[in-house]
Amino acid sequence: MELDTLIRLNAARQSRRAVVLATEVEGGASTVLVEGEAWPETLREAAGKVLLSGKSGLAEIAGRSVFLNVHLPPPRIVAIGAVHITQALARLAPVIGFDLTIIDPRTAFATPERFAGVDLVADWPEDVLQARPLDGYTALAAVTHDPKIDDFALAEALRRGCFYVGALGSRKTHAKRAERLQQAGISEADIARIRAPIGLDIGAASPEEIALAVLAQIVEAYRRRDIGGAAA
């Protein structure tokens, strides 16, 4: 592997950006395709497919065999709120392959006893997300029902381009939330990205069912996300 190729791959990994290394089987010429950057038109469709599936493989492109090696940042969920729903989510997320962090400044809720083995941070999102920033491979689920805790995290998730942003609450609650976010400088287009009420509509009632609905919606958003890759 050429040094320049290795440098670009490592830089993408360190910045949690997806990358596809397209290598011609005959001749070995390689092209590095970083998600969000311009790609050659001939590689866009095939590279886009492996990014969404996460599976490397051979493709026939313009009469040539090309091996597409995909490198994806580990997808993660940041949940705002140490509540019954996130207790259930903590059991489900690892099964699907998502890392999970739970943030809640309310120390009565955010206890190791309630969230054994979970990456739990008992602090305000404003402070935590400065040290541990969100990104395009993060799903943000806000479930505290407390604007003082949820609103900053939601705004930050929209600013950082999280692939999924969801919030617990009725449509009436969300309408008030949208007003607050607009006042905080978030555009209507960005606010429209928030999935609220959170989760797929499966008639969920229990915390476990709501967690399942949320996780299913996160998976849907992840597999159908906009991968960019405009033509070079």
Foldseek 3Di string as FASTA:
>chain_A
DDPVLVVVVVVCQVVQWKWKWKFFPPPGDIDIFTFQDADAPQCVPVQVLCQLVVDWAWDQTPNTIITIHIDGHQAEEEEEDLDLLVLLLLVVQVVVRHAYEYEALPDVRQDCVSVPPHNYHNDACVVVCVVVPDAQRYAYEYEPLDCRRRLVVQLRCLVRNHLHAEYADAPVSLVVSVVVSVVVPDDPVSSVRYDPVAFDPPVDDDSNSSSVRNVVVVSVSSSPDDRHHHHD
